[in-house]
Amino acid sequence: MFSFNRRDVLLLSAAWFLVVAGLGLRLLLAGHFLLSPDEANYWQWSRHLAPCYHDHPPLIAWTIRLATHFLGHSEMAVRLPTILGLTIAGAYLLLLARRAFSPLCALQVTLLSQGILLLNGAALIATPDGLLLACWAGVCYHAFVALQEDRRASWLVTGVWFGLGLLAKYTMLLVLPSLFLCLLTNRSQRSLLLRPAPWQALGLGLLIFSPVIAWNAGHNWVTFRHVLYQGGVSEATPFTWKYLLDFLGAQAALVSPLVFLLLLGAAWRGWRGIPPWVEHQRYLLWMCLPTLLVFCGLALRSRVYGNWPAPAYLSALVLIAALYGPGPDSRLGARRLWRWTVLTAWCMTLPVLGQLLYPLLPLPIRYDRTARETRGWDELARTVHERRQAMERPGETFIFGLRYQFASELAFYVPGRPETVSINRWTRPNVYDFWQHDEALLGKDAVGIFEGEDMVERVAGLFERAEPAEKIILRRRSPWFGQEEFASYYLFRGYGFKGGLHWQPRDTGDIRVSRTVAEPDISP
């Protein structure tokens, strides 16, 4: 039980206010910029419900389907699940910091976490990471309670969050070595490994995850092949520093340099046992360090995306707030460092969020990924729709993209939101290989888009005849650089499709090579 004085109540009230205010701000922003290509792809998944998909488990698709069912198909509805996911994660961090340390620590970790660029990006760009954050935070909190109280109910709730996390993203598996090593290296808690409750929690989580395993077993393990490929299994280079340095630089940028340095300092203190160091801090370090080390190891042989280790920073934020945040024993220098840490995080995040709405920063368009990915899709889709309506047989004309991202953006922004096709022949295998097959489209006409003039002749070879490709240039108005071209596409019109949708591997030894089966659409 906890007893709080008036000051503690005020601190906790302020922390909860920040969580709710962060939710409100993200909801306001979410509907004012277009879907990025990956978001449109996950929305497209939600129109084809399945127990699993080529790239990821199904939770992102299921939750988007639920949101759009009640709120309609809009940018805000697509992003609502991940926005709520970060809110849940923030609430759990608050509760964990309060239980492990103090209401003051709860306020400090909330103040910091709400301003981290990596976490805000995971919420405002609808990807599996936003849902994974909620599940990982749930495991961190309920496992902590279970370790303190050894209650079966807490272990089972931990298992539920673990299972949901596996339905969000396979990265959730990395929470297992964290918990196992935490128990194994703690003499006072090691005996818990011999009790049934932790193993029951594990079994419950795997039971929740079992539809994904069953689906993959029936589809030649395509999702796991994809994950292994991303992990560098097919890479010929055994070791390189380049990717690791890129990865570390990306981490420092996404969580802010001071947060990253404080985390390294906390890891050093934990390794050396430098006081003050208590059991709770040790738990938090175990809940982040193995995941970061795994991705550092992967970065020694293949490219690792900056968002992949995002859940590891949840417990890390609580840890550095406890070690370096203001408290009764903190020194003036430490308090100043903490203020600069929080201020730096917010100063790096707010301009990027503003950039989603208007080009506030003096960034040339080639460096402004935000603008390139969240602008122009509606304009491009209207043009595709007009060209389709002008075709000889508009009712027998399908819309395609030469990448699944383009096909998904067109599916969302073309009036009427028609089903679209991704011609994967020259790109990589993806979920469209399960939804489409040549036989259903043979002889039909098509309107589509792609990048690169060199692809015109290749695409034309898939049709009986084709019109000259039309180049479409998209521009934005920047207060710094005037009119800037940020994308160019080729709009293609072909007649009499001859087939050739599916990916053709260049190397038969590619681990992604598998039997792909077009599945029926089970959506109403």
Protein backbone atom coordinates (compact mmCIF):
# COMPACT_ATOMS: atom_id res chain seq x y z
CA MET A 1 0.00 0.00 0.00
CA PHE A 2 1.06 3.57 -0.66
CA SER A 3 0.49 6.66 1.43
CA PHE A 4 0.91 10.04 -0.22
CA ASN A 5 1.12 13.52 1.22
CA ARG A 6 -0.23 16.61 -0.50
CA ARG A 7 3.01 17.17 -2.42
CA ASP A 8 2.99 13.61 -3.75
CA VAL A 9 -0.60 13.99 -4.92
CA LEU A 10 0.31 17.18 -6.78
CA LEU A 11 3.32 15.50 -8.41
CA LEU A 12 1.27 12.52 -9.57
CA SER A 13 -1.55 14.78 -10.78
CA ALA A 14 0.96 16.75 -12.86
CA ALA A 15 2.34 13.52 -14.31
CA TRP A 16 -1.11 12.26 -15.29
CA PHE A 17 -1.92 15.65 -16.78
CA LEU A 18 1.16 15.39 -19.02
CA VAL A 19 0.11 11.94 -20.23
CA VAL A 20 -3.39 13.16 -21.08
CA ALA A 21 -2.07 16.38 -22.65
CA GLY A 22 0.29 14.36 -24.82
CA LEU A 23 -2.65 12.25 -25.96
CA GLY A 24 -4.64 15.35 -26.84
CA LEU A 25 -1.79 16.96 -28.76
CA ARG A 26 -1.19 13.84 -30.85
CA LEU A 27 -4.87 13.47 -31.62
CA LEU A 28 -4.91 17.08 -32.85
CA LEU A 29 -1.89 16.50 -35.09
CA ALA A 30 -2.88 13.08 -36.41
CA GLY A 31 -5.49 14.22 -38.89
CA HIS A 32 -3.49 17.03 -40.48
CA PHE A 33 -0.92 15.22 -42.59
CA LEU A 34 -1.20 12.44 -45.15
CA LEU A 35 -0.45 8.81 -44.47
CA SER A 36 3.14 7.73 -45.01
CA PRO A 37 3.65 4.75 -47.35
CA ASP A 38 4.05 2.25 -44.50
CA GLU A 39 0.91 3.53 -42.79
CA ALA A 40 -1.09 3.15 -45.98
CA ASN A 41 0.26 -0.38 -46.30
CA TYR A 42 -0.91 -1.32 -42.78
CA TRP A 43 -4.30 0.23 -43.51
CA GLN A 44 -4.48 -1.94 -46.61
CA TRP A 45 -3.77 -4.97 -44.40
CA SER A 46 -6.79 -4.01 -42.31
CA ARG A 47 -8.99 -4.54 -45.36
CA HIS A 48 -7.69 -8.12 -45.66
CA LEU A 49 -7.96 -9.51 -42.14
CA ALA A 50 -5.71 -12.50 -41.46
CA PRO A 51 -3.97 -14.23 -38.52
CA CYS A 52 -0.62 -12.95 -39.81
CA TYR A 53 0.94 -11.09 -42.72
CA HIS A 54 4.10 -11.38 -44.76
CA ASP A 55 6.10 -8.76 -42.85
CA HIS A 56 4.58 -8.61 -39.36
CA PRO A 57 2.09 -10.17 -36.96
CA PRO A 58 -1.50 -8.91 -37.25
CA LEU A 59 -2.17 -6.57 -34.31
CA ILE A 60 -1.56 -3.35 -36.25
CA ALA A 61 -4.05 -4.43 -38.93
CA TRP A 62 -6.64 -5.61 -36.41
CA THR A 63 -6.55 -2.39 -34.41
CA ILE A 64 -6.68 -0.17 -37.51
CA ARG A 65 -9.67 -2.18 -38.72
CA LEU A 66 -11.39 -1.61 -35.38
CA ALA A 67 -10.67 2.13 -35.41
CA THR A 68 -11.77 2.67 -39.01
CA HIS A 69 -14.91 0.59 -38.46
CA PHE A 70 -16.13 3.04 -35.83
CA LEU A 71 -14.52 6.29 -37.03
CA GLY A 72 -14.37 5.85 -40.79
CA HIS A 73 -11.35 5.80 -43.06
CA SER A 74 -9.26 8.83 -42.14
CA GLU A 75 -5.68 9.60 -41.19
CA MET A 76 -6.66 10.11 -37.57
CA ALA A 77 -8.49 6.78 -37.37
CA VAL A 78 -5.53 4.92 -38.86
CA ARG A 79 -3.20 6.49 -36.28
CA LEU A 80 -5.50 6.18 -33.28
CA PRO A 81 -4.29 2.70 -32.18
CA THR A 82 -0.64 3.73 -31.98
CA ILE A 83 -1.47 7.05 -30.34
CA LEU A 84 -3.36 5.14 -27.66
CA GLY A 85 -0.46 2.70 -27.51
CA LEU A 86 2.00 5.41 -26.49
CA THR A 87 -0.52 6.74 -23.97
CA ILE A 88 -0.74 3.30 -22.36
CA ALA A 89 3.05 3.04 -22.37
CA GLY A 90 3.34 6.47 -20.74
CA ALA A 91 0.84 5.48 -18.06
CA TYR A 92 2.76 2.31 -17.27
CA LEU A 93 6.06 4.20 -17.04
CA LEU A 94 4.44 6.59 -14.60
CA LEU A 95 3.12 3.71 -12.48
CA LEU A 96 6.44 1.87 -12.59
CA ALA A 97 8.44 4.93 -11.52
CA ARG A 98 5.99 5.66 -8.72
CA ARG A 99 6.06 2.09 -7.40
CA ALA A 100 9.82 1.61 -7.72
CA PHE A 101 10.95 5.06 -6.61
CA SER A 102 8.74 8.08 -5.91
CA PRO A 103 6.03 10.38 -7.26
CA LEU A 104 8.78 12.87 -8.15
CA CYS A 105 10.49 10.24 -10.29
CA ALA A 106 7.12 9.46 -11.90
CA LEU A 107 6.74 13.12 -12.89
CA GLN A 108 10.29 13.36 -14.21
CA VAL A 109 10.07 10.22 -16.36
CA THR A 110 6.72 11.40 -17.75
CA LEU A 111 8.14 14.82 -18.56
CA LEU A 112 11.03 13.20 -20.40
CA SER A 113 9.21 10.35 -22.15
CA GLN A 114 6.52 12.60 -23.60
CA GLY A 115 9.26 14.59 -25.35
CA ILE A 116 11.29 11.76 -26.89
CA LEU A 117 11.29 11.91 -30.70
CA LEU A 118 11.47 8.13 -31.14
CA LEU A 119 8.38 7.55 -29.00
CA ASN A 120 6.38 10.36 -30.59
CA GLY A 121 7.24 9.03 -34.02
CA ALA A 122 6.04 5.56 -33.02
CA ALA A 123 2.70 7.09 -32.00
CA LEU A 124 2.09 9.52 -34.87
CA ILE A 125 3.25 7.20 -37.64
CA ALA A 126 1.04 4.12 -37.43
CA THR A 127 3.42 1.16 -37.36
CA PRO A 128 3.66 -1.93 -35.12
CA ASP A 129 6.14 -0.10 -32.88
CA GLY A 130 3.45 2.05 -31.29
CA LEU A 131 1.53 -1.03 -30.17
CA LEU A 132 4.71 -2.82 -29.14
CA LEU A 133 5.55 0.04 -26.77
CA ALA A 134 2.29 -0.43 -24.87
CA CYS A 135 2.80 -4.18 -24.55
CA TRP A 136 6.46 -3.91 -23.51
CA ALA A 137 5.62 -1.30 -20.89
CA GLY A 138 2.83 -3.54 -19.61
CA VAL A 139 5.26 -6.43 -19.22
CA CYS A 140 7.82 -4.19 -17.48
CA TYR A 141 5.29 -2.99 -14.93
CA HIS A 142 3.43 -6.22 -14.18
CA ALA A 143 6.60 -8.32 -14.10
CA PHE A 144 8.03 -5.84 -11.60
CA VAL A 145 4.92 -6.19 -9.43
CA ALA A 146 5.09 -9.98 -9.78
CA LEU A 147 8.72 -10.02 -8.66
CA GLN A 148 7.90 -7.88 -5.63
CA GLU A 149 4.72 -9.65 -4.54
CA ASP A 150 5.00 -13.08 -6.22
CA ARG A 151 1.31 -13.06 -7.08
CA ARG A 152 0.03 -15.44 -9.74
CA ALA A 153 -2.41 -12.81 -11.04
CA SER A 154 0.44 -10.39 -11.77
CA TRP A 155 2.34 -13.07 -13.64
CA LEU A 156 -0.71 -13.91 -15.76
CA VAL A 157 -1.28 -10.26 -16.66
CA THR A 158 2.39 -10.16 -17.65
CA GLY A 159 1.73 -13.16 -19.89
CA VAL A 160 -1.23 -11.44 -21.55
CA TRP A 161 0.86 -8.36 -22.38
CA PHE A 162 3.65 -10.61 -23.63
CA GLY A 163 1.26 -12.42 -25.97
CA LEU A 164 -0.23 -9.19 -27.26
CA GLY A 165 3.29 -7.87 -27.81
CA LEU A 166 4.10 -10.91 -29.95
CA LEU A 167 0.98 -10.13 -31.99
CA ALA A 168 2.37 -6.61 -32.47
CA LYS A 169 5.99 -7.33 -33.40
CA TYR A 170 8.46 -10.19 -33.01
CA THR A 171 10.83 -7.89 -31.12
CA MET A 172 8.70 -8.76 -28.08
CA LEU A 173 10.59 -12.05 -27.86
CA LEU A 174 13.59 -10.12 -26.55
CA VAL A 175 11.79 -9.42 -23.29
CA LEU A 176 12.28 -13.10 -22.39
CA PRO A 177 16.08 -13.05 -22.05
CA SER A 178 15.76 -9.79 -20.12
CA LEU A 179 13.45 -11.32 -17.52
CA PHE A 180 15.30 -14.64 -17.43
CA LEU A 181 18.71 -13.05 -16.88
CA CYS A 182 17.27 -10.68 -14.29
CA LEU A 183 15.99 -13.65 -12.28
CA LEU A 184 19.02 -15.83 -12.88
CA THR A 185 21.51 -13.22 -11.65
CA ASN A 186 19.53 -12.31 -8.53
CA ARG A 187 19.99 -14.81 -5.71
CA SER A 188 16.92 -13.65 -3.82
CA GLN A 189 14.65 -14.09 -6.87
CA ARG A 190 16.30 -17.03 -8.62
CA SER A 191 13.97 -19.50 -6.93
CA LEU A 192 11.02 -17.97 -8.83
CA LEU A 193 12.22 -19.87 -11.90
CA LEU A 194 11.24 -23.08 -10.11
CA ARG A 195 7.68 -21.91 -9.45
CA PRO A 196 4.81 -22.50 -11.88
CA ALA A 197 3.48 -18.92 -12.18
CA PRO A 198 6.22 -17.49 -14.48
CA TRP A 199 5.97 -20.52 -16.77
CA GLN A 200 2.18 -20.28 -16.82
CA ALA A 201 2.55 -16.67 -17.91
CA LEU A 202 4.90 -17.75 -20.69
CA GLY A 203 2.45 -20.44 -21.80
CA LEU A 204 -0.42 -17.95 -21.83
CA GLY A 205 1.57 -15.54 -23.97
CA LEU A 206 2.48 -18.26 -26.46
CA LEU A 207 -1.15 -19.37 -26.58
CA ILE A 208 -2.20 -15.85 -27.56
CA PHE A 209 0.55 -15.90 -30.20
CA SER A 210 -0.38 -19.35 -31.55
CA PRO A 211 -2.52 -18.11 -34.52
CA VAL A 212 0.63 -16.51 -35.96
CA ILE A 213 2.56 -19.77 -35.62
CA ALA A 214 -0.28 -21.76 -37.19
CA TRP A 215 -0.57 -19.35 -40.12
CA ASN A 216 3.16 -19.43 -40.79
CA ALA A 217 3.24 -23.22 -40.60
CA GLY A 218 0.70 -23.27 -43.41
CA HIS A 219 2.56 -20.68 -45.48
CA ASN A 220 6.10 -22.01 -45.52
CA TRP A 221 7.15 -19.75 -42.61
CA VAL A 222 7.25 -16.68 -44.86
CA THR A 223 7.15 -14.14 -42.02
CA PHE A 224 10.06 -15.74 -40.21
CA ARG A 225 11.98 -15.93 -43.50
CA HIS A 226 11.43 -12.21 -43.92
CA VAL A 227 12.63 -11.49 -40.36
CA LEU A 228 15.74 -13.63 -40.85
CA TYR A 229 16.50 -11.82 -44.11
CA GLN A 230 16.20 -8.46 -42.36
CA GLY A 231 18.50 -9.77 -39.65
CA GLY A 232 21.25 -10.27 -42.23
CA VAL A 233 21.12 -14.05 -42.67
CA SER A 234 21.68 -13.63 -46.41
CA GLU A 235 24.43 -11.03 -46.02
CA ALA A 236 27.80 -12.12 -47.34
CA THR A 237 29.72 -9.60 -45.22
CA PRO A 238 30.51 -11.21 -41.84
CA PHE A 239 31.53 -8.02 -40.03
CA THR A 240 31.45 -4.27 -40.61
CA TRP A 241 31.69 -1.18 -38.42
CA LYS A 242 29.74 1.01 -40.86
CA TYR A 243 26.27 -0.19 -39.92
CA LEU A 244 27.05 -0.13 -36.21
CA LEU A 245 28.21 3.49 -36.31
CA ASP A 246 25.12 4.44 -38.32
CA PHE A 247 22.93 2.63 -35.81
CA LEU A 248 24.48 4.31 -32.76
CA GLY A 249 24.25 7.72 -34.41
CA ALA A 250 20.59 7.13 -35.20
CA GLN A 251 19.89 6.13 -31.60
CA ALA A 252 21.51 9.30 -30.27
CA ALA A 253 19.41 11.38 -32.67
CA LEU A 254 16.12 9.59 -31.97
CA VAL A 255 16.28 9.64 -28.16
CA SER A 256 18.47 12.78 -27.97
CA PRO A 257 22.23 12.76 -27.38
CA LEU A 258 22.00 13.51 -23.65
CA VAL A 259 19.50 10.71 -23.00
CA PHE A 260 21.74 8.32 -24.90
CA LEU A 261 24.81 9.40 -22.92
CA LEU A 262 22.96 9.10 -19.61
CA LEU A 263 21.88 5.60 -20.56
CA LEU A 264 25.49 4.65 -21.30
CA GLY A 265 26.44 6.14 -17.93
CA ALA A 266 23.71 4.16 -16.19
CA ALA A 267 24.87 0.95 -17.86
CA TRP A 268 28.44 1.64 -16.73
CA ARG A 269 27.33 2.31 -13.17
CA GLY A 270 25.31 -0.87 -13.14
CA TRP A 271 28.16 -2.94 -14.55
CA ARG A 272 30.63 -1.56 -12.02
CA GLY A 273 28.14 -1.55 -9.15
CA ILE A 274 28.81 2.12 -8.45
CA PRO A 275 26.57 3.32 -5.59
CA PRO A 276 23.87 4.32 -5.13
CA TRP A 277 22.68 1.17 -6.93
CA VAL A 278 19.57 -0.66 -5.77
CA GLU A 279 17.71 -3.75 -6.90
CA HIS A 280 15.01 -1.77 -8.71
CA GLN A 281 17.62 -0.04 -10.86
CA ARG A 282 19.17 -3.38 -11.66
CA TYR A 283 15.80 -4.67 -12.88
CA LEU A 284 15.32 -1.66 -15.17
CA LEU A 285 18.79 -2.11 -16.65
CA TRP A 286 18.12 -5.77 -17.43
CA MET A 287 14.85 -4.81 -19.14
CA CYS A 288 16.68 -2.64 -21.67
CA LEU A 289 20.29 -3.74 -22.04
CA PRO A 290 19.89 -7.19 -23.71
CA THR A 291 17.67 -5.73 -26.43
CA LEU A 292 20.12 -2.93 -27.20
CA LEU A 293 23.02 -5.40 -27.29
CA VAL A 294 21.14 -7.71 -29.67
CA PHE A 295 20.58 -4.90 -32.15
CA CYS A 296 24.15 -3.69 -31.78
CA GLY A 297 25.23 -7.22 -32.67
CA LEU A 298 22.96 -7.28 -35.72
CA ALA A 299 24.36 -3.92 -36.80
CA LEU A 300 27.80 -5.51 -37.11
CA ARG A 301 26.64 -7.39 -40.22
CA SER A 302 23.53 -5.69 -41.62
CA ARG A 303 21.62 -2.44 -41.55
CA VAL A 304 19.42 -1.99 -38.47
CA TYR A 305 16.63 0.58 -38.56
CA GLY A 306 16.67 3.16 -35.81
CA ASN A 307 13.19 2.33 -34.52
CA TRP A 308 13.82 -1.38 -33.95
CA PRO A 309 15.14 -1.13 -30.35
CA ALA A 310 12.49 1.44 -29.32
CA PRO A 311 10.92 -0.63 -26.49
CA ALA A 312 14.28 -0.99 -24.73
CA TYR A 313 14.24 2.73 -23.95
CA LEU A 314 11.08 2.51 -21.85
CA SER A 315 12.72 1.03 -18.77
CA ALA A 316 15.87 3.01 -19.60
CA LEU A 317 13.96 6.29 -19.20
CA VAL A 318 12.76 5.26 -15.75
CA LEU A 319 16.30 4.23 -14.86
CA ILE A 320 17.95 7.50 -15.84
CA ALA A 321 15.16 9.51 -14.18
CA ALA A 322 15.87 7.61 -10.96
CA LEU A 323 19.65 8.01 -11.23
CA TYR A 324 19.97 11.53 -12.60
CA GLY A 325 16.63 13.23 -11.99
CA PRO A 326 16.04 15.75 -9.20
CA GLY A 327 15.65 14.37 -5.72
CA PRO A 328 16.42 15.19 -2.09
CA ASP A 329 20.03 14.04 -2.48
CA SER A 330 20.75 15.33 -5.99
CA ARG A 331 23.46 17.93 -6.51
CA LEU A 332 23.10 21.23 -8.32
CA GLY A 333 25.16 20.01 -11.27
CA ALA A 334 23.02 16.89 -11.62
CA ARG A 335 19.82 18.95 -11.55
CA ARG A 336 21.18 21.21 -14.28
CA LEU A 337 22.16 18.21 -16.38
CA TRP A 338 18.69 16.77 -15.99
CA ARG A 339 17.02 20.03 -17.01
CA TRP A 340 19.19 20.18 -20.11
CA THR A 341 18.36 16.55 -20.89
CA VAL A 342 14.62 17.17 -20.80
CA LEU A 343 14.93 20.48 -22.66
CA THR A 344 17.09 18.95 -25.39
CA ALA A 345 14.63 16.12 -25.96
CA TRP A 346 11.70 18.50 -26.35
CA CYS A 347 13.67 20.94 -28.52
CA MET A 348 14.53 18.12 -30.91
CA THR A 349 10.98 16.77 -31.04
CA LEU A 350 8.73 19.82 -31.33
CA PRO A 351 10.25 21.19 -34.57
CA VAL A 352 9.95 17.76 -36.19
CA LEU A 353 6.29 17.54 -35.19
CA GLY A 354 5.76 21.02 -36.58
CA GLN A 355 7.46 19.95 -39.80
CA LEU A 356 4.64 17.46 -40.34
CA LEU A 357 2.29 20.39 -40.84
CA TYR A 358 4.48 23.09 -42.42
CA PRO A 359 8.14 23.33 -43.52
CA LEU A 360 9.31 25.28 -40.48
CA LEU A 361 12.91 24.06 -40.63
CA PRO A 362 15.33 25.28 -43.31
CA LEU A 363 15.84 21.78 -44.69
CA PRO A 364 16.32 21.21 -48.41
CA ILE A 365 13.74 18.74 -49.60
CA ARG A 366 16.29 15.97 -50.17
CA TYR A 367 16.95 15.94 -46.42
CA ASP A 368 13.32 16.31 -45.36
CA ARG A 369 12.02 12.76 -45.29
CA THR A 370 8.89 13.92 -43.49
CA ALA A 371 7.84 16.04 -46.46
CA ARG A 372 8.74 13.41 -49.04
CA GLU A 373 6.65 10.71 -47.37
CA THR A 374 3.58 12.64 -46.20
CA ARG A 375 2.85 15.00 -49.08
CA GLY A 376 1.47 14.71 -52.57
CA TRP A 377 -0.28 11.34 -52.38
CA ASP A 378 -3.76 12.84 -52.65
CA GLU A 379 -2.74 14.89 -55.68
CA LEU A 380 -1.14 11.88 -57.33
CA ALA A 381 -4.19 9.73 -56.59
CA ARG A 382 -6.55 12.27 -58.18
CA THR A 383 -4.45 12.25 -61.33
CA VAL A 384 -4.48 8.45 -61.46
CA HIS A 385 -8.26 8.46 -60.98
CA GLU A 386 -8.74 10.94 -63.83
CA ARG A 387 -6.57 8.89 -66.18
CA ARG A 388 -8.43 5.73 -65.24
CA GLN A 389 -11.79 7.33 -65.98
CA ALA A 390 -10.47 8.36 -69.40
CA MET A 391 -9.42 4.79 -70.31
CA GLU A 392 -11.30 2.83 -72.99
CA ARG A 393 -12.67 0.39 -70.38
CA PRO A 394 -12.52 2.11 -66.97
CA GLY A 395 -14.56 -0.68 -65.38
CA GLU A 396 -11.99 -3.23 -66.57
CA THR A 397 -8.96 -1.15 -65.60
CA PHE A 398 -7.01 -1.92 -62.44
CA ILE A 399 -4.72 0.46 -60.57
CA PHE A 400 -1.19 -0.60 -59.69
CA GLY A 401 2.01 0.57 -58.10
CA LEU A 402 5.43 -0.87 -58.86
CA ARG A 403 6.03 -0.92 -55.11
CA TYR A 404 3.57 -2.03 -52.46
CA GLN A 405 3.87 1.38 -50.78
CA PHE A 406 2.65 3.14 -53.93
CA ALA A 407 -0.20 0.66 -54.40
CA SER A 408 -1.31 1.22 -50.81
CA GLU A 409 -1.21 5.02 -51.04
CA LEU A 410 -3.35 4.88 -54.18
CA ALA A 411 -5.77 2.49 -52.47
CA PHE A 412 -6.33 5.04 -49.70
CA TYR A 413 -6.41 8.28 -51.69
CA VAL A 414 -8.01 7.35 -55.04
CA PRO A 415 -11.71 8.32 -54.80
CA GLY A 416 -13.78 5.32 -53.75
CA ARG A 417 -10.72 3.59 -52.24
CA PRO A 418 -10.55 0.77 -54.82
CA GLU A 419 -8.50 -2.37 -54.38
CA THR A 420 -5.11 -1.87 -56.00
CA VAL A 421 -2.35 -4.14 -57.25
CA SER A 422 1.37 -4.19 -56.50
CA ILE A 423 3.58 -5.48 -59.29
CA ASN A 424 6.31 -7.11 -57.22
CA ARG A 425 8.19 -8.73 -60.08
CA TRP A 426 11.29 -6.52 -59.76
CA THR A 427 11.10 -5.46 -56.10
CA ARG A 428 10.67 -7.85 -53.16
CA PRO A 429 8.06 -10.29 -51.87
CA ASN A 430 5.29 -8.74 -49.80
CA VAL A 431 1.75 -9.20 -48.62
CA TYR A 432 0.22 -8.45 -52.03
CA ASP A 433 1.52 -11.82 -53.23
CA PHE A 434 -1.18 -13.41 -51.07
CA TRP A 435 -4.01 -11.24 -52.36
CA GLN A 436 -3.43 -11.15 -56.10
CA HIS A 437 -2.74 -13.55 -58.92
CA ASP A 438 -2.31 -13.13 -62.63
CA GLU A 439 -5.35 -15.16 -63.67
CA ALA A 440 -7.82 -12.63 -62.25
CA LEU A 441 -6.27 -9.75 -64.21
CA LEU A 442 -5.33 -11.28 -67.56
CA GLY A 443 -6.56 -9.17 -70.46
CA LYS A 444 -7.46 -6.18 -68.30
CA ASP A 445 -6.16 -2.66 -68.75
CA ALA A 446 -4.22 -0.77 -66.08
CA VAL A 447 -3.16 2.63 -64.81
CA GLY A 448 -0.23 2.77 -62.43
CA ILE A 449 2.76 4.68 -61.14
CA PHE A 450 6.43 4.00 -60.57
CA GLU A 451 9.74 5.78 -60.20
CA GLY A 452 12.49 5.67 -62.79
CA GLU A 453 12.24 6.07 -66.54
CA ASP A 454 14.22 2.86 -66.96
CA MET A 455 11.17 0.87 -65.79
CA VAL A 456 8.88 2.07 -68.59
CA GLU A 457 10.00 -0.56 -71.10
CA ARG A 458 9.94 -3.35 -68.51
CA VAL A 459 6.39 -2.58 -67.41
CA ALA A 460 5.24 -2.19 -71.00
CA GLY A 461 6.41 -5.76 -71.61
CA LEU A 462 3.67 -7.00 -69.28
CA PHE A 463 0.94 -5.60 -71.57
CA GLU A 464 -0.13 -6.12 -75.16
CA ARG A 465 0.25 -2.42 -75.82
CA ALA A 466 0.94 0.75 -73.85
CA GLU A 467 0.75 4.51 -74.18
CA PRO A 468 3.80 6.73 -73.61
CA ALA A 469 4.45 7.20 -69.91
CA GLU A 470 3.48 10.56 -68.44
CA LYS A 471 5.91 12.18 -66.01
CA ILE A 472 4.28 13.75 -62.95
CA ILE A 473 6.30 16.13 -60.77
CA LEU A 474 5.21 16.95 -57.23
CA ARG A 475 6.33 20.20 -55.60
CA ARG A 476 5.98 21.97 -52.28
CA ARG A 477 6.18 25.64 -51.37
CA SER A 478 8.91 26.28 -48.79
CA PRO A 479 9.38 29.66 -47.07
CA TRP A 480 13.12 28.99 -47.22
CA PHE A 481 13.67 27.66 -50.74
CA GLY A 482 10.53 28.56 -52.69
CA GLN A 483 9.07 25.92 -55.01
CA GLU A 484 10.87 22.60 -54.49
CA GLU A 485 10.41 19.40 -56.43
CA PHE A 486 10.14 16.57 -53.90
CA ALA A 487 9.08 13.61 -56.05
CA SER A 488 8.60 12.55 -59.63
CA TYR A 489 6.65 9.57 -60.90
CA TYR A 490 5.81 8.01 -64.21
CA LEU A 491 2.13 7.40 -64.85
CA PHE A 492 1.68 4.36 -67.06
CA ARG A 493 -1.36 3.23 -69.07
CA GLY A 494 -1.35 -0.29 -70.46
CA TYR A 495 -3.84 -2.45 -72.33
CA GLY A 496 -4.25 -6.21 -72.19
CA PHE A 497 -2.33 -7.42 -69.14
CA LYS A 498 -0.31 -10.56 -69.91
CA GLY A 499 0.72 -11.48 -66.35
CA GLY A 500 3.83 -11.06 -64.21
CA LEU A 501 2.74 -9.75 -60.81
CA HIS A 502 4.74 -11.91 -58.45
CA TRP A 503 8.28 -11.42 -57.23
CA GLN A 504 10.98 -13.14 -59.25
CA PRO A 505 14.05 -13.84 -57.05
CA ARG A 506 17.43 -13.13 -58.55
CA ASP A 507 19.01 -15.88 -56.46
CA THR A 508 17.29 -19.21 -55.81
CA GLY A 509 19.24 -19.41 -52.55
CA ASP A 510 17.48 -16.30 -51.21
CA ILE A 511 15.96 -17.24 -47.84
CA ARG A 512 12.78 -15.37 -48.78
CA VAL A 513 11.98 -17.81 -51.60
CA SER A 514 8.85 -19.70 -50.56
CA ARG A 515 5.53 -20.94 -51.82
CA THR A 516 3.07 -18.04 -51.86
CA VAL A 517 -0.64 -18.71 -52.09
CA ALA A 518 -3.33 -16.18 -53.01
CA GLU A 519 -5.82 -16.26 -50.15
CA PRO A 520 -9.48 -15.33 -50.20
CA ASP A 521 -10.37 -11.95 -48.79
CA ILE A 522 -12.35 -12.54 -45.59
CA SER A 523 -13.35 -8.90 -45.14
CA PRO A 524 -17.03 -8.17 -45.72
